[in-house]
Amino acid sequence: MKHLWAERWLGRLAAWICERPNAFIYPQVVLFGICVFYTISELEFNTNRSDLVGAEKRYHRNFLDYKSTFQNQDELVTIVESGDAERNREFIERLGAKLKQEPELFRDVFFKGNFQILGSKSLQLIKRIEDVQALDKKLSSALPLLEQFSHVTNITEMVRTINRQFRKSGNQRSTQNETPKNHQHSMAQSLPLLSSLLNQARNSLHQAEPLIPPAVSGLLGMTPANSAKEYIQFDEGRLFLITAPPISDELEKAAVRRLRLLVNEIQTLVPGVNVGITGKSVLEFDEMQQSRKDTTKATLISLVLVMVIFIFGYQETGRPIKATLCLLIALAYTMGFATLVVGHLNILTIAFVPMLIGLAIDFGVHLITRYEEELRIGNNDAISLKNALTRTGIGIFTGCFTTAGAFLAMGITEFKGIREMGIITGGGMILALIPMMTMLPALLLKGKQNVMNHSLNDATKGKRDRLEQIWLNRPRFIIGLALGLSLIAASQIPKIYFDYNLLNLQTSGLEAVNFEHKLIDSGEKSILFGAVIANSLEEASDIEAKVKQLPSVASV
């Protein structure tokens, strides 16, 4: 008696479907097209992991205030790797020049120390007096050479100056029988740099790009690795870095794409180096792209598997394909719903599609199963459809709303990513009822499958019954087996732990992830940092003193 009102409503629905089946098919096909068009034109993919948390959390508000106050965008990091430090330096210099020419996308391009901004205080960066004395001695010995090269403005004049200096050294030695040691020593030490300049000049004959200025420290006789110490580098010059934050969060995607194009252009000019970009923005962008590919692949595989299992289990093709078509309609409705209510998908919510496929197909399975049972006992199409909707439909509605309620309960959580996942998936479960309980019944009335079912004997039904009896006749054994498996699974609970390391969530194999780990492994200390906001200089000093005492902090 409690379900009479639901049975009456579902009975009327069955009657309407039998009278006008096309009215429940073609309008939904049109609505499917509208939802697809609306989703493609309006749905966005949000790559920012910070938006998964929600701006209402206090620590996240502090982070947003920090970024706003100090204009702190996440840096795009380009890593150049090779065994040739001079080639690494050339690549970094060329990329830095390109990035500085695009101030509409990049700002604060940094790849080497600029001591000019420190003026006369630059030497204060040198900590030991011995290093200052060694630098003074080296500069004094190189002063004659530096004075000569300060007037050089082109390659021809440079070669003439070199020849003049060597001839001068030879004449002094023949007349005085004594070598001006300092001068000759400086010339000999600068030979690697001079050779590099001539090689660059030769290479420039085959390219339109200008030459890269040499490192002045090379005139002081330093090796390429040592002469590049002013650059950001790791692993003794094998890795060179250049950082360039995007102008704003809104331009992050455009900046990532443009940086990749610039890197590819420069690799044609400076071959023989391994180059990749990384950073928070790059990781989020690449992981979202990878998630979209993986989710699309998982969706297709899920659809095919669901349909194949359905066909194999029921030993027919018509009805499983009809149920799968209705499932596609339900997915389109859900995508339109997600676009309207949330407006975007993120790295969590993009995974709802395979989940919904596995859950919503059950509606069609239950309805088709009951419909076939009614046909096999001799009922006509209309009565079979009415009995399937009124008797099994109540269970389908109940199962749908209980599952949807569990997902929608996630909508009251504080974690924004989980909340959006619950709203989209819960709403999708309810929307899936529309095609499964209206369009699918209408499709079941069409085709030759119904005639075939009427002509089936009891052989097929008896085969299924015998299969069911295998476990129904052995209840104690089945219960014992289930309890045993549960105990085995429970014994593994102590091995489960919560992994707080977000690096373990990253997709292995991505270029950005590989270079991130190279950077982490090559540094003397962690590249991760935390920012602490203080309201006064005195408070900042107190916090600094306390933080320095923490064993996990390398520097402040």
Protein backbone atom coordinates (compact mmCIF):
# COMPACT_ATOMS: atom_id res chain seq x y z
CA MET A 1 0.00 0.00 0.00
CA LYS A 2 2.86 2.36 0.73
CA HIS A 3 4.01 2.22 -2.91
CA LEU A 4 0.59 2.56 -4.56
CA TRP A 5 1.07 6.22 -5.44
CA ALA A 6 4.48 5.49 -7.00
CA GLU A 7 3.10 2.50 -8.91
CA ARG A 8 0.21 4.60 -10.24
CA TRP A 9 2.59 7.34 -11.40
CA LEU A 10 4.94 4.86 -13.04
CA GLY A 11 1.96 3.08 -14.61
CA ARG A 12 0.84 6.33 -16.23
CA LEU A 13 4.39 6.89 -17.46
CA ALA A 14 4.40 3.42 -19.05
CA ALA A 15 1.07 4.15 -20.75
CA TRP A 16 2.35 7.45 -22.18
CA ILE A 17 5.50 5.76 -23.47
CA CYS A 18 3.47 3.02 -25.17
CA GLU A 19 1.15 5.59 -26.78
CA ARG A 20 3.86 8.01 -27.98
CA PRO A 21 7.31 6.38 -27.83
CA ASN A 22 8.85 8.86 -30.29
CA ALA A 23 7.92 11.75 -27.99
CA PHE A 24 10.34 10.34 -25.44
CA ILE A 25 13.15 9.73 -27.96
CA TYR A 26 13.57 12.60 -30.41
CA PRO A 27 13.26 15.53 -27.93
CA GLN A 28 16.00 13.95 -25.83
CA VAL A 29 18.21 13.57 -28.90
CA VAL A 30 17.78 17.32 -29.52
CA LEU A 31 18.48 18.06 -25.84
CA PHE A 32 21.60 15.89 -26.11
CA GLY A 33 22.91 18.09 -28.92
CA ILE A 34 22.14 21.27 -26.96
CA CYS A 35 24.00 19.98 -23.89
CA VAL A 36 27.02 18.97 -25.96
CA PHE A 37 27.18 22.38 -27.68
CA TYR A 38 26.73 24.25 -24.39
CA THR A 39 29.44 22.19 -22.70
CA ILE A 40 31.98 22.64 -25.50
CA SER A 41 31.42 26.40 -25.68
CA GLU A 42 31.20 27.20 -21.96
CA LEU A 43 32.90 24.55 -19.82
CA GLU A 44 36.37 25.47 -18.55
CA PHE A 45 39.19 23.34 -17.17
CA ASN A 46 40.65 24.82 -14.01
CA THR A 47 44.31 23.86 -13.52
CA ASN A 48 44.90 25.84 -10.32
CA ARG A 49 45.25 23.44 -7.40
CA SER A 50 44.73 26.29 -4.95
CA ASP A 51 41.12 26.51 -6.09
CA LEU A 52 40.55 22.97 -4.84
CA VAL A 53 40.76 24.23 -1.26
CA GLY A 54 38.43 27.22 -1.33
CA ALA A 55 39.12 30.84 -0.49
CA GLU A 56 37.10 30.70 2.76
CA LYS A 57 39.83 28.79 4.63
CA ARG A 58 42.00 31.04 6.79
CA TYR A 59 45.34 29.67 5.64
CA HIS A 60 44.25 29.98 2.03
CA ARG A 61 43.12 33.57 2.56
CA ASN A 62 46.57 34.29 3.99
CA PHE A 63 48.17 32.76 0.92
CA LEU A 64 46.00 34.83 -1.44
CA ASP A 65 46.80 37.99 0.55
CA TYR A 66 50.49 37.13 0.34
CA LYS A 67 50.35 36.72 -3.43
CA SER A 68 48.38 39.94 -3.82
CA THR A 69 50.53 42.05 -1.50
CA PHE A 70 53.90 40.90 -2.79
CA GLN A 71 52.78 40.35 -6.41
CA ASN A 72 53.98 36.77 -6.21
CA GLN A 73 53.09 34.60 -9.19
CA ASP A 74 54.32 31.02 -9.44
CA GLU A 75 57.56 30.95 -11.38
CA LEU A 76 58.06 29.18 -14.68
CA VAL A 77 61.41 27.41 -14.43
CA THR A 78 63.43 26.41 -17.48
CA ILE A 79 66.22 23.89 -16.86
CA VAL A 80 69.09 23.44 -19.34
CA GLU A 81 71.15 20.28 -18.94
CA SER A 82 74.40 19.21 -20.60
CA GLY A 83 78.06 18.57 -19.81
CA ASP A 84 79.10 21.79 -21.61
CA ALA A 85 78.71 24.75 -19.26
CA GLU A 86 79.37 27.27 -22.04
CA ARG A 87 76.61 25.77 -24.19
CA ASN A 88 74.25 25.87 -21.21
CA ARG A 89 75.14 29.53 -20.67
CA GLU A 90 74.51 30.40 -24.30
CA PHE A 91 71.08 28.78 -24.21
CA ILE A 92 70.12 30.61 -21.01
CA GLU A 93 71.32 33.96 -22.38
CA ARG A 94 69.35 33.55 -25.59
CA LEU A 95 66.18 32.50 -23.75
CA GLY A 96 66.55 35.35 -21.27
CA ALA A 97 66.78 37.88 -24.11
CA LYS A 98 63.63 36.42 -25.72
CA LEU A 99 61.64 36.49 -22.49
CA LYS A 100 62.59 40.09 -21.78
CA GLN A 101 61.16 41.04 -25.17
CA GLU A 102 57.69 39.85 -24.11
CA PRO A 103 56.77 41.92 -21.03
CA GLU A 104 53.08 41.34 -21.72
CA LEU A 105 53.51 37.70 -20.59
CA PHE A 106 56.66 37.49 -18.45
CA ARG A 107 58.24 39.61 -15.76
CA ASP A 108 61.28 39.51 -13.47
CA VAL A 109 63.32 37.29 -15.78
CA PHE A 110 66.19 36.00 -13.66
CA PHE A 111 69.05 33.73 -14.59
CA LYS A 112 72.21 35.39 -13.25
CA GLY A 113 73.28 37.79 -10.53
CA ASN A 114 73.20 41.45 -11.49
CA PHE A 115 75.84 43.05 -9.29
CA GLN A 116 75.39 46.46 -10.90
CA ILE A 117 72.33 47.17 -8.77
CA LEU A 118 74.52 46.86 -5.65
CA GLY A 119 76.95 49.53 -6.85
CA SER A 120 80.01 49.95 -4.67
CA LYS A 121 78.62 47.45 -2.14
CA SER A 122 78.96 44.44 -4.49
CA LEU A 123 82.18 43.24 -2.85
CA GLN A 124 80.34 42.86 0.44
CA LEU A 125 78.89 39.63 -0.95
CA ILE A 126 82.37 38.10 -0.68
CA LYS A 127 82.64 36.66 2.82
CA ARG A 128 86.38 35.94 3.16
CA ILE A 129 89.20 38.50 2.92
CA GLU A 130 91.34 35.89 1.17
CA ASP A 131 88.87 35.76 -1.71
CA VAL A 132 88.97 39.55 -2.06
CA GLN A 133 92.77 39.47 -2.15
CA ALA A 134 92.77 36.74 -4.79
CA LEU A 135 90.33 38.69 -6.93
CA ASP A 136 92.48 41.83 -6.61
CA LYS A 137 95.56 39.91 -7.72
CA LYS A 138 93.79 38.39 -10.72
CA LEU A 139 92.37 41.74 -11.82
CA SER A 140 95.77 43.40 -11.48
CA SER A 141 97.44 40.79 -13.68
CA ALA A 142 94.68 41.04 -16.27
CA LEU A 143 94.47 44.83 -16.27
CA PRO A 144 96.64 45.38 -19.39
CA LEU A 145 94.58 42.87 -21.34
CA LEU A 146 91.29 44.32 -20.14
CA GLU A 147 92.40 47.79 -21.16
CA GLN A 148 93.22 46.56 -24.65
CA PHE A 149 89.92 44.72 -25.13
CA SER A 150 87.80 47.54 -23.73
CA HIS A 151 88.25 49.36 -27.07
CA VAL A 152 87.27 46.34 -29.22
CA THR A 153 83.88 46.72 -30.94
CA ASN A 154 83.90 43.94 -33.55
CA ILE A 155 85.46 40.58 -34.42
CA THR A 156 88.00 42.05 -36.87
CA GLU A 157 89.33 44.48 -34.31
CA MET A 158 89.47 41.72 -31.70
CA VAL A 159 91.65 39.49 -33.94
CA ARG A 160 93.95 42.43 -34.71
CA THR A 161 94.28 43.20 -31.02
CA ILE A 162 95.15 39.57 -30.22
CA ASN A 163 97.80 39.49 -32.97
CA ARG A 164 99.23 42.80 -31.82
CA GLN A 165 99.49 41.58 -28.23
CA PHE A 166 101.25 38.35 -29.22
CA ARG A 167 103.70 40.22 -31.50
CA LYS A 168 104.38 42.68 -28.72
CA SER A 169 105.09 39.84 -26.31
CA GLY A 170 107.46 38.22 -28.81
CA ASN A 171 109.39 41.45 -29.49
CA GLN A 172 109.81 42.12 -25.78
CA ARG A 173 111.15 38.63 -25.23
CA SER A 174 113.73 38.91 -28.10
CA THR A 175 115.05 42.30 -27.04
CA GLN A 176 115.03 41.86 -23.29
CA ASN A 177 115.45 38.07 -23.11
CA GLU A 178 112.72 38.25 -20.50
CA THR A 179 109.08 37.40 -20.74
CA PRO A 180 106.51 39.82 -19.34
CA LYS A 181 105.02 37.02 -17.28
CA ASN A 182 101.84 38.67 -16.11
CA HIS A 183 100.87 39.81 -19.56
CA GLN A 184 101.65 36.53 -21.28
CA HIS A 185 100.00 34.58 -18.49
CA SER A 186 96.81 36.59 -18.95
CA MET A 187 96.91 36.02 -22.71
CA ALA A 188 97.35 32.27 -22.21
CA GLN A 189 94.56 32.12 -19.65
CA SER A 190 92.16 33.95 -21.96
CA LEU A 191 92.74 31.60 -24.89
CA PRO A 192 89.72 29.36 -24.09
CA LEU A 193 87.47 32.42 -24.14
CA LEU A 194 89.00 33.75 -27.35
CA SER A 195 88.59 30.33 -28.96
CA SER A 196 84.94 30.26 -27.87
CA LEU A 197 84.36 33.69 -29.39
CA LEU A 198 85.82 32.62 -32.72
CA ASN A 199 83.67 29.47 -32.70
CA GLN A 200 80.57 31.55 -32.06
CA ALA A 201 81.55 33.90 -34.86
CA ARG A 202 81.94 30.95 -37.25
CA ASN A 203 78.57 29.51 -36.20
CA SER A 204 76.88 32.87 -36.64
CA LEU A 205 77.60 32.72 -40.37
CA HIS A 206 74.87 30.04 -40.63
CA GLN A 207 72.21 31.72 -38.46
CA ALA A 208 70.42 35.03 -38.28
CA GLU A 209 70.51 35.28 -34.48
CA PRO A 210 73.11 37.63 -32.93
CA LEU A 211 76.10 36.40 -30.97
CA ILE A 212 75.83 35.98 -27.22
CA PRO A 213 78.21 38.25 -25.25
CA PRO A 214 80.98 36.29 -23.52
CA ALA A 215 81.29 36.02 -19.77
CA VAL A 216 83.83 38.72 -18.80
CA SER A 217 85.21 36.46 -16.12
CA GLY A 218 86.57 34.28 -18.91
CA LEU A 219 89.21 36.96 -19.57
CA LEU A 220 90.51 36.27 -16.08
CA GLY A 221 91.50 32.75 -17.03
CA MET A 222 88.61 30.93 -15.41
CA THR A 223 87.31 27.63 -16.77
CA PRO A 224 83.85 27.70 -18.40
CA ALA A 225 82.30 26.13 -15.31
CA ASN A 226 83.91 28.65 -12.95
CA SER A 227 83.32 31.60 -15.24
CA ALA A 228 79.57 30.83 -15.16
CA LYS A 229 79.25 31.05 -11.37
CA GLU A 230 77.23 34.23 -11.73
CA TYR A 231 74.44 32.14 -13.30
CA ILE A 232 71.89 30.03 -11.42
CA GLN A 233 73.29 26.53 -11.72
CA PHE A 234 73.38 23.16 -10.00
CA ASP A 235 75.43 19.98 -10.18
CA GLU A 236 78.68 21.81 -10.99
CA GLY A 237 77.36 23.49 -14.10
CA ARG A 238 75.42 20.58 -15.59
CA LEU A 239 72.11 22.29 -14.84
CA PHE A 240 71.41 25.97 -15.59
CA LEU A 241 68.17 27.67 -14.56
CA ILE A 242 66.14 30.62 -15.69
CA THR A 243 62.95 31.75 -13.96
CA ALA A 244 60.23 34.02 -15.32
CA PRO A 245 56.88 34.40 -13.52
CA PRO A 246 53.84 35.15 -15.69
CA ILE A 247 52.36 38.62 -15.40
CA SER A 248 49.17 37.30 -13.77
CA ASP A 249 47.40 34.07 -12.85
CA GLU A 250 45.02 34.56 -15.77
CA LEU A 251 47.92 34.45 -18.25
CA GLU A 252 49.57 31.34 -16.82
CA LYS A 253 48.39 29.00 -19.56
CA ALA A 254 49.39 31.41 -22.33
CA ALA A 255 52.79 31.92 -20.69
CA VAL A 256 53.42 28.16 -20.46
CA ARG A 257 52.56 27.65 -24.12
CA ARG A 258 54.70 30.58 -25.24
CA LEU A 259 57.67 29.48 -23.13
CA ARG A 260 57.58 26.05 -24.75
CA LEU A 261 57.61 27.62 -28.21
CA LEU A 262 60.60 29.80 -27.32
CA VAL A 263 62.49 26.82 -25.92
CA ASN A 264 61.90 24.85 -29.12
CA GLU A 265 63.10 27.77 -31.25
CA ILE A 266 66.34 28.17 -29.30
CA GLN A 267 67.06 24.44 -29.33
CA THR A 268 67.52 24.69 -33.10
CA LEU A 269 70.22 27.34 -32.49
CA VAL A 270 71.92 25.64 -29.54
CA PRO A 271 71.76 21.87 -30.10
CA GLY A 272 73.22 19.27 -27.80
CA VAL A 273 71.39 20.31 -24.63
CA ASN A 274 68.48 18.72 -22.80
CA VAL A 275 65.90 21.39 -21.97
CA GLY A 276 62.63 21.22 -20.05
CA ILE A 277 60.32 23.55 -18.17
CA THR A 278 58.77 22.97 -14.77
CA GLY A 279 57.25 24.91 -11.88
CA LYS A 280 53.86 24.88 -10.18
CA SER A 281 52.02 26.42 -13.12
CA VAL A 282 53.63 24.04 -15.61
CA LEU A 283 52.93 21.00 -13.43
CA GLU A 284 49.28 21.97 -13.01
CA PHE A 285 48.89 22.65 -16.73
CA ASP A 286 50.56 19.40 -17.80
CA GLU A 287 48.77 17.28 -15.20
CA MET A 288 45.42 18.70 -16.27
CA GLN A 289 46.21 17.93 -19.90
CA GLN A 290 47.26 14.41 -18.92
CA SER A 291 44.13 13.99 -16.79
CA ARG A 292 41.94 14.99 -19.72
CA LYS A 293 43.64 12.42 -21.95
CA ASP A 294 43.49 9.70 -19.30
CA THR A 295 39.86 10.44 -18.43
CA THR A 296 38.86 10.40 -22.09
CA LYS A 297 40.63 7.06 -22.50
CA ALA A 298 39.07 5.69 -19.31
CA THR A 299 35.62 6.86 -20.45
CA LEU A 300 35.90 5.11 -23.79
CA ILE A 301 37.23 1.94 -22.18
CA SER A 302 34.44 2.03 -19.57
CA LEU A 303 31.74 2.42 -22.21
CA VAL A 304 33.13 -0.43 -24.29
CA LEU A 305 33.58 -2.72 -21.28
CA VAL A 306 30.11 -2.00 -19.96
CA MET A 307 28.57 -2.74 -23.33
CA VAL A 308 30.66 -5.90 -23.93
CA ILE A 309 29.90 -7.32 -20.47
CA PHE A 310 26.22 -6.48 -20.94
CA ILE A 311 26.17 -8.20 -24.35
CA PHE A 312 28.09 -11.23 -23.11
CA GLY A 313 26.01 -11.63 -19.95
CA TYR A 314 22.65 -11.36 -21.73
CA GLN A 315 23.77 -13.04 -24.96
CA GLU A 316 22.18 -10.33 -27.08
CA THR A 317 23.22 -7.04 -28.66
CA GLY A 318 20.13 -4.91 -29.25
CA ARG A 319 19.12 -3.98 -25.72
CA PRO A 320 22.64 -3.51 -24.32
CA ILE A 321 23.40 -1.08 -27.16
CA LYS A 322 20.14 0.78 -26.47
CA ALA A 323 21.06 1.07 -22.78
CA THR A 324 24.52 2.35 -23.71
CA LEU A 325 23.00 5.00 -25.98
CA CYS A 326 20.80 6.18 -23.12
CA LEU A 327 23.90 6.25 -20.92
CA LEU A 328 25.56 8.63 -23.42
CA ILE A 329 22.48 10.86 -23.25
CA ALA A 330 22.79 10.86 -19.44
CA LEU A 331 26.46 11.85 -19.64
CA ALA A 332 25.60 14.78 -21.90
CA TYR A 333 22.94 15.93 -19.44
CA THR A 334 25.46 15.73 -16.61
CA MET A 335 28.10 17.69 -18.51
CA GLY A 336 25.55 20.40 -19.22
CA PHE A 337 24.56 20.39 -15.56
CA ALA A 338 28.21 20.70 -14.47
CA THR A 339 28.73 23.59 -16.89
CA LEU A 340 25.64 25.41 -15.62
CA VAL A 341 26.08 24.86 -11.88
CA VAL A 342 29.87 24.76 -11.40
CA GLY A 343 31.23 26.13 -14.67
CA HIS A 344 34.50 24.19 -14.70
CA LEU A 345 36.18 20.87 -14.10
CA ASN A 346 39.37 20.39 -12.11
CA ILE A 347 41.86 17.58 -11.65
CA LEU A 348 39.41 15.83 -9.24
CA THR A 349 36.01 16.40 -10.81
CA ILE A 350 37.18 15.42 -14.29
CA ALA A 351 37.19 11.80 -13.08
CA PHE A 352 33.43 11.70 -12.48
CA VAL A 353 32.60 10.41 -15.98
CA PRO A 354 33.93 6.83 -15.62
CA MET A 355 32.34 6.67 -12.16
CA LEU A 356 28.95 7.70 -13.51
CA ILE A 357 29.17 5.17 -16.33
CA GLY A 358 29.64 2.31 -13.88
CA LEU A 359 26.83 3.47 -11.60
CA ALA A 360 24.18 4.65 -14.06
CA ILE A 361 24.30 1.59 -16.31
CA ASP A 362 22.75 -0.39 -13.42
CA PHE A 363 19.45 1.40 -14.02
CA GLY A 364 19.30 -0.03 -17.52
CA VAL A 365 20.44 -3.48 -16.39
CA HIS A 366 17.65 -3.79 -13.81
CA LEU A 367 14.95 -2.44 -16.12
CA ILE A 368 15.91 -4.65 -19.07
CA THR A 369 16.18 -7.74 -16.85
CA ARG A 370 12.64 -7.33 -15.50
CA TYR A 371 11.29 -6.46 -18.95
CA GLU A 372 12.73 -9.67 -20.42
CA GLU A 373 11.32 -11.75 -17.58
CA GLU A 374 7.84 -10.36 -18.25
CA LEU A 375 8.17 -11.13 -21.96
CA ARG A 376 9.27 -14.71 -21.31
CA ILE A 377 6.23 -15.52 -19.18
CA GLY A 378 4.00 -14.56 -22.11
CA ASN A 379 3.00 -10.93 -21.46
CA ASN A 380 2.78 -8.57 -24.39
CA ASP A 381 5.08 -5.56 -24.84
CA ALA A 382 2.84 -3.01 -23.11
CA ILE A 383 2.14 -5.14 -20.03
CA SER A 384 5.79 -6.18 -19.78
CA LEU A 385 6.91 -2.55 -19.88
CA LYS A 386 4.31 -1.50 -17.32
CA ASN A 387 5.29 -4.27 -14.89
CA ALA A 388 8.99 -3.51 -15.35
CA LEU A 389 8.49 0.20 -14.64
CA THR A 390 6.05 -0.12 -11.77
CA ARG A 391 7.69 -2.99 -9.89
CA THR A 392 11.38 -2.64 -10.68
CA GLY A 393 11.23 1.11 -11.23
CA ILE A 394 10.60 1.75 -7.52
CA GLY A 395 13.82 -0.08 -6.65
CA ILE A 396 15.71 1.82 -9.36
CA PHE A 397 14.49 5.17 -8.01
CA THR A 398 15.36 4.17 -4.46
CA GLY A 399 18.85 3.01 -5.40
CA CYS A 400 19.44 6.16 -7.44
CA PHE A 401 18.44 8.62 -4.72
CA THR A 402 20.38 6.82 -2.00
CA THR A 403 23.56 6.83 -4.09
CA ALA A 404 22.98 10.41 -5.22
CA GLY A 405 22.37 11.43 -1.60
CA ALA A 406 25.73 10.00 -0.58
CA PHE A 407 27.45 12.05 -3.28
CA LEU A 408 25.46 15.21 -2.57
CA ALA A 409 26.45 14.94 1.10
CA MET A 410 29.96 15.72 -0.10
CA GLY A 411 28.59 19.11 -1.11
CA ILE A 412 28.54 20.27 2.51
CA THR A 413 32.26 19.60 3.04
CA GLU A 414 34.75 22.47 3.34
CA PHE A 415 37.17 21.09 0.73
CA LYS A 416 36.08 22.76 -2.50
CA GLY A 417 37.32 20.03 -4.84
CA ILE A 418 35.41 17.31 -2.94
CA ARG A 419 32.34 19.55 -2.74
CA GLU A 420 32.24 20.08 -6.50
CA MET A 421 32.79 16.36 -7.10
CA GLY A 422 29.77 15.52 -4.90
CA ILE A 423 27.49 18.07 -6.57
CA ILE A 424 28.37 17.03 -10.11
CA THR A 425 28.24 13.27 -9.54
CA GLY A 426 25.13 13.37 -7.33
CA GLY A 427 23.30 15.56 -9.80
CA GLY A 428 24.44 13.32 -12.65
CA MET A 429 22.98 10.25 -10.94
CA ILE A 430 19.55 11.88 -10.72
CA LEU A 431 19.73 13.19 -14.30
CA ALA A 432 20.63 9.68 -15.53
CA LEU A 433 17.15 8.54 -14.45
CA ILE A 434 15.54 10.68 -17.16
CA PRO A 435 16.80 8.81 -20.25
CA MET A 436 16.99 5.45 -18.46
CA MET A 437 13.35 5.57 -17.31
CA THR A 438 11.84 7.28 -20.38
CA MET A 439 13.99 6.94 -23.50
CA LEU A 440 15.17 3.38 -22.79
CA PRO A 441 11.62 1.99 -22.32
CA ALA A 442 10.62 3.69 -25.57
CA LEU A 443 13.57 2.08 -27.37
CA LEU A 444 12.73 -1.32 -25.88
CA LEU A 445 9.36 -1.24 -27.67
CA LYS A 446 11.12 -0.95 -31.02
CA GLY A 447 13.04 -3.62 -32.93
CA LYS A 448 12.69 -7.37 -33.49
CA GLN A 449 14.14 -8.45 -30.14
CA ASN A 450 10.70 -8.65 -28.52
CA VAL A 451 9.48 -11.20 -31.09
CA MET A 452 12.57 -13.28 -30.46
CA ASN A 453 11.95 -13.26 -26.71
CA HIS A 454 8.36 -14.47 -27.18
CA SER A 455 9.63 -17.43 -29.16
CA LEU A 456 12.32 -18.44 -26.65
CA ASN A 457 11.73 -21.67 -24.76
CA ASP A 458 12.60 -22.23 -21.14
CA ALA A 459 16.10 -23.46 -21.96
CA THR A 460 17.73 -20.06 -21.53
CA LYS A 461 15.83 -19.33 -18.34
CA GLY A 462 16.69 -22.77 -16.97
CA LYS A 463 20.37 -22.20 -17.71
CA ARG A 464 20.35 -18.99 -15.69
CA ASP A 465 18.44 -20.63 -12.86
CA ARG A 466 20.97 -23.46 -12.62
CA LEU A 467 23.79 -20.91 -12.47
CA GLU A 468 22.08 -19.06 -9.61
CA GLN A 469 21.51 -22.26 -7.67
CA ILE A 470 25.26 -22.85 -7.42
CA TRP A 471 25.52 -20.29 -4.62
CA LEU A 472 21.88 -20.14 -3.47
CA ASN A 473 21.98 -23.81 -2.42
CA ARG A 474 25.17 -23.30 -0.41
CA PRO A 475 24.43 -20.30 1.86
CA ARG A 476 26.73 -21.32 4.74
CA PHE A 477 29.69 -21.89 2.45
CA ILE A 478 29.15 -18.54 0.69
CA ILE A 479 28.78 -16.66 4.01
CA GLY A 480 31.87 -18.34 5.41
CA LEU A 481 33.85 -17.55 2.27
CA ALA A 482 32.80 -13.89 2.46
CA LEU A 483 33.77 -13.66 6.15
CA GLY A 484 37.13 -15.32 5.47
CA LEU A 485 37.96 -12.91 2.68
CA SER A 486 36.89 -10.01 4.89
CA LEU A 487 39.26 -11.12 7.67
CA ILE A 488 42.13 -11.43 5.20
CA ALA A 489 41.44 -7.92 3.93
CA ALA A 490 41.15 -6.56 7.49
CA SER A 491 44.61 -7.95 8.34
CA GLN A 492 46.10 -5.48 5.85
CA ILE A 493 44.58 -2.40 7.52
CA PRO A 494 47.69 -1.65 9.69
CA LYS A 495 49.75 -1.30 6.51
CA ILE A 496 47.59 1.58 5.28
CA TYR A 497 48.95 5.05 6.01
CA PHE A 498 48.19 8.61 4.93
CA ASP A 499 50.75 9.97 2.49
CA TYR A 500 51.17 13.72 3.02
CA ASN A 501 53.73 14.10 0.22
CA LEU A 502 51.94 15.83 -2.66
CA LEU A 503 54.86 14.98 -4.95
CA ASN A 504 53.61 11.39 -4.93
CA LEU A 505 50.37 12.55 -6.57
CA GLN A 506 52.21 13.76 -9.64
CA THR A 507 52.06 11.86 -12.91
CA SER A 508 55.29 9.98 -13.43
CA GLY A 509 56.82 10.36 -16.88
CA LEU A 510 55.73 13.95 -17.48
CA GLU A 511 58.56 16.20 -18.62
CA ALA A 512 57.76 18.80 -15.94
CA VAL A 513 57.81 16.13 -13.22
CA ASN A 514 61.09 14.62 -14.44
CA PHE A 515 62.85 17.98 -14.45
CA GLU A 516 61.34 18.86 -11.09
CA HIS A 517 62.93 15.75 -9.57
CA LYS A 518 66.25 16.51 -11.29
CA LEU A 519 66.20 19.94 -9.68
CA ILE A 520 65.29 18.52 -6.27
CA ASP A 521 68.01 15.86 -6.44
CA SER A 522 70.75 18.26 -7.61
CA GLY A 523 70.24 20.95 -4.96
CA GLU A 524 72.16 21.14 -1.71
CA LYS A 525 68.89 21.75 0.14
CA SER A 526 65.18 21.48 -0.58
CA ILE A 527 63.70 23.82 -3.18
CA LEU A 528 60.42 23.88 -1.22
CA PHE A 529 59.80 26.84 1.05
CA GLY A 530 57.18 28.38 3.28
CA ALA A 531 56.28 32.06 3.65
CA VAL A 532 55.44 33.54 7.05
CA ILE A 533 53.60 36.87 7.17
CA ALA A 534 54.36 39.31 9.98
CA ASN A 535 52.72 42.65 10.78
CA SER A 536 55.85 44.49 11.87
CA LEU A 537 59.62 44.32 11.60
CA GLU A 538 59.90 43.39 15.27
CA GLU A 539 57.45 40.52 14.87
CA ALA A 540 59.32 39.35 11.77
CA SER A 541 62.61 39.32 13.71
CA ASP A 542 61.05 37.28 16.51
CA ILE A 543 59.59 34.77 14.05
CA GLU A 544 62.93 34.51 12.25
CA ALA A 545 64.74 33.66 15.47
CA LYS A 546 62.18 30.97 16.35
CA VAL A 547 62.04 29.43 12.88
CA LYS A 548 65.83 29.15 12.72
CA GLN A 549 65.68 26.82 15.71
CA LEU A 550 63.53 24.29 13.85
CA PRO A 551 65.56 21.24 12.75
CA SER A 552 63.64 20.94 9.47
CA VAL A 553 64.50 24.49 8.33
CA ALA A 554 67.68 24.93 6.29
CA SER A 555 67.72 28.74 6.05
CA VAL A 556 65.52 31.77 6.61
